Protein backbone atom coordinates (compact mmCIF):
# COMPACT_ATOMS: atom_id res chain seq x y z
CA MET A 1 65.62 10.65 -180.11
CA THR A 2 68.68 12.87 -180.24
CA PRO A 3 68.80 16.49 -179.03
CA ALA A 4 68.89 17.55 -182.71
CA ILE A 5 65.63 15.75 -183.52
CA ASN A 6 64.05 17.03 -180.32
CA ALA A 7 65.03 20.61 -181.25
CA ALA A 8 63.45 20.24 -184.71
CA LYS A 9 60.27 18.76 -183.20
CA LYS A 10 60.03 21.49 -180.57
CA ALA A 11 60.37 24.16 -183.29
CA LYS A 12 57.49 22.51 -185.21
CA ILE A 13 59.28 22.74 -188.54
CA THR A 14 58.96 20.32 -191.42
CA PHE A 15 61.83 17.84 -191.43
CA THR A 16 62.57 14.23 -192.32
CA VAL A 17 64.85 11.86 -190.43
CA HIS A 18 67.02 9.56 -192.54
CA GLU A 19 68.91 6.61 -191.03
CA TYR A 20 71.51 4.48 -192.72
CA GLU A 21 74.01 1.79 -191.75
CA HIS A 22 77.17 3.71 -190.88
CA ASP A 23 80.49 2.13 -191.83
CA PRO A 24 83.15 3.15 -189.26
CA ALA A 25 85.82 2.61 -191.94
CA ALA A 26 84.28 5.19 -194.29
CA PRO A 27 86.90 7.83 -195.18
CA SER A 28 84.31 10.65 -195.19
CA PHE A 29 81.15 10.48 -193.09
CA GLY A 30 79.47 13.17 -195.21
CA ILE A 31 80.15 11.53 -198.55
CA GLU A 32 79.08 8.22 -197.05
CA ALA A 33 75.78 9.83 -196.02
CA ALA A 34 75.19 11.22 -199.53
CA GLU A 35 75.91 7.84 -201.13
CA LYS A 36 73.81 5.78 -198.72
CA LEU A 37 70.90 8.24 -198.80
CA GLY A 38 71.08 8.53 -202.59
CA VAL A 39 71.19 12.34 -202.63
CA PRO A 40 73.56 14.73 -204.40
CA PRO A 41 76.51 15.51 -202.11
CA GLU A 42 75.93 19.23 -202.73
CA ARG A 43 72.87 18.92 -200.46
CA VAL A 44 74.68 17.14 -197.61
CA PHE A 45 76.37 19.52 -195.17
CA LYS A 46 78.94 18.89 -192.46
CA THR A 47 79.05 20.68 -189.14
CA LEU A 48 82.46 22.04 -188.21
CA VAL A 49 83.40 23.84 -185.00
CA VAL A 50 86.02 26.56 -185.13
CA ASP A 51 87.82 28.69 -182.61
CA ALA A 52 87.24 32.23 -183.86
CA GLY A 53 89.41 34.52 -181.80
CA GLY A 54 88.86 32.59 -178.59
CA THR A 55 85.14 31.98 -179.18
CA LEU A 56 83.82 28.66 -180.45
CA ALA A 57 81.52 28.90 -183.45
CA VAL A 58 79.89 26.55 -185.96
CA ALA A 59 80.32 26.50 -189.73
CA VAL A 60 77.98 24.35 -191.83
CA VAL A 61 79.43 23.60 -195.27
CA PRO A 62 78.84 21.10 -198.12
CA VAL A 63 80.63 17.79 -197.56
CA LEU A 64 82.51 18.01 -200.88
CA LEU A 65 84.04 21.36 -199.99
CA LYS A 66 86.44 22.64 -197.35
CA LEU A 67 85.88 25.39 -194.86
CA ASP A 68 87.73 28.57 -195.80
CA LEU A 69 89.01 29.61 -192.37
CA LYS A 70 89.75 33.19 -193.47
CA ALA A 71 86.23 33.59 -194.83
CA ALA A 72 84.78 32.02 -191.68
CA ALA A 73 86.73 34.41 -189.46
CA LYS A 74 85.50 37.36 -191.51
CA ALA A 75 81.87 36.14 -191.36
CA LEU A 76 82.17 35.70 -187.59
CA GLY A 77 83.81 39.08 -187.06
CA ALA A 78 87.09 37.58 -185.84
CA LYS A 79 90.67 38.27 -186.91
CA LYS A 80 91.36 34.57 -187.49
CA ALA A 81 89.80 31.15 -187.10
CA ALA A 82 91.19 27.67 -186.57
CA MET A 83 89.58 24.29 -186.20
CA ALA A 84 88.55 23.73 -182.57
CA GLU A 85 90.11 20.97 -180.50
CA ALA A 86 88.13 17.71 -180.49
CA LYS A 87 87.63 17.67 -176.72
CA ALA A 88 86.30 21.23 -176.75
CA VAL A 89 83.92 20.35 -179.61
CA GLU A 90 82.48 17.32 -177.81
CA ARG A 91 82.25 19.07 -174.44
CA THR A 92 80.56 22.17 -175.85
CA THR A 93 78.18 20.56 -178.35
CA GLY A 94 77.37 17.34 -176.50
CA TYR A 95 78.03 15.35 -179.67
CA VAL A 96 80.87 13.03 -180.72
CA LEU A 97 82.99 13.93 -183.74
CA GLY A 98 81.42 12.62 -186.91
CA GLY A 99 77.98 13.09 -185.39
CA VAL A 100 77.99 16.79 -184.51
CA SER A 101 74.70 18.40 -185.46
CA PRO A 102 74.13 22.12 -185.82
CA LEU A 103 70.84 21.54 -183.96
CA GLY A 104 70.31 20.78 -180.27
CA GLN A 105 73.82 21.56 -179.07
CA LYS A 106 74.43 21.81 -175.32
CA LYS A 107 75.59 25.40 -175.74
CA ARG A 108 74.27 27.60 -178.55
CA LEU A 109 77.25 28.73 -180.60
CA PRO A 110 77.41 31.46 -183.22
CA THR A 111 76.69 29.73 -186.53
CA ILE A 112 77.34 30.44 -190.19
CA LEU A 113 75.83 28.48 -193.04
CA ASP A 114 77.54 28.41 -196.42
CA GLU A 115 75.58 30.49 -198.90
CA SER A 116 75.31 27.53 -201.31
CA ALA A 117 72.60 26.12 -199.03
CA ARG A 118 70.24 28.87 -200.21
CA HIS A 119 70.08 27.19 -203.63
CA CYS A 120 68.93 23.82 -202.23
CA PRO A 121 65.26 22.96 -201.68
CA THR A 122 66.36 21.04 -198.58
CA VAL A 123 69.69 20.20 -196.98
CA PHE A 124 70.85 17.20 -194.98
CA VAL A 125 72.76 17.71 -191.71
CA SER A 126 73.78 15.34 -188.97
CA GLY A 127 70.95 14.24 -186.74
CA GLY A 128 73.27 13.92 -183.76
CA ARG A 129 74.95 10.59 -184.35
CA ARG A 130 76.72 8.77 -187.13
CA GLY A 131 74.26 7.16 -189.51
CA LEU A 132 71.48 9.67 -188.81
CA ASP A 133 70.70 12.77 -190.88
CA ILE A 134 67.95 15.36 -190.76
CA GLU A 135 66.59 16.85 -193.97
CA LEU A 136 65.15 20.34 -193.67
CA ALA A 137 64.78 23.64 -195.51
CA PRO A 138 67.88 25.87 -195.37
CA ALA A 139 65.76 28.75 -194.05
CA ASP A 140 64.55 26.57 -191.17
CA LEU A 141 68.11 25.48 -190.39
CA ALA A 142 69.22 29.11 -190.36
CA ALA A 143 66.31 30.14 -188.14
CA LEU A 144 66.81 27.30 -185.65
CA THR A 145 70.53 27.95 -185.30
CA ARG A 146 70.29 31.74 -185.69
CA ALA A 147 72.79 31.33 -188.51
CA GLY A 148 73.82 33.86 -191.05
CA PHE A 149 74.60 32.89 -194.63
CA ALA A 150 78.12 33.59 -195.89
CA PRO A 151 80.50 32.28 -198.59
CA VAL A 152 82.67 30.17 -196.27
CA ALA A 153 83.29 27.03 -198.36
CA ARG A 154 85.79 26.53 -201.15
């Protein structure tokens, strides 16, 4: 069990764990997940960590889209945002890049979830390692991460 799965279990929400054979040569881990799980990529979300004015924060966006850093900064109440350094991401979340989950992080970070998630019955996010996703309702993901919804993907 990963910390992400343990967090979902502890919260007693409805979720499904999906495993697949991860290909380390895959150019996009998120698109690989959508293809191997046979789900529309609009429902698979990636977890990105940003430095928002000196504070690390999490943005969860669809794998086909990019994070709009200006929109993320605005949603987080910061003047600007930039992608966080890899070492800081791994140290703060407890996860390796490509397997960062919005759930069960070592340190709870401010989190924003792209508003497109509201239109999905369920979304897929990393389960805490490559080749492992958790499917859950967007409202449950927002509640567990204390996330707000905002238009942060483009």
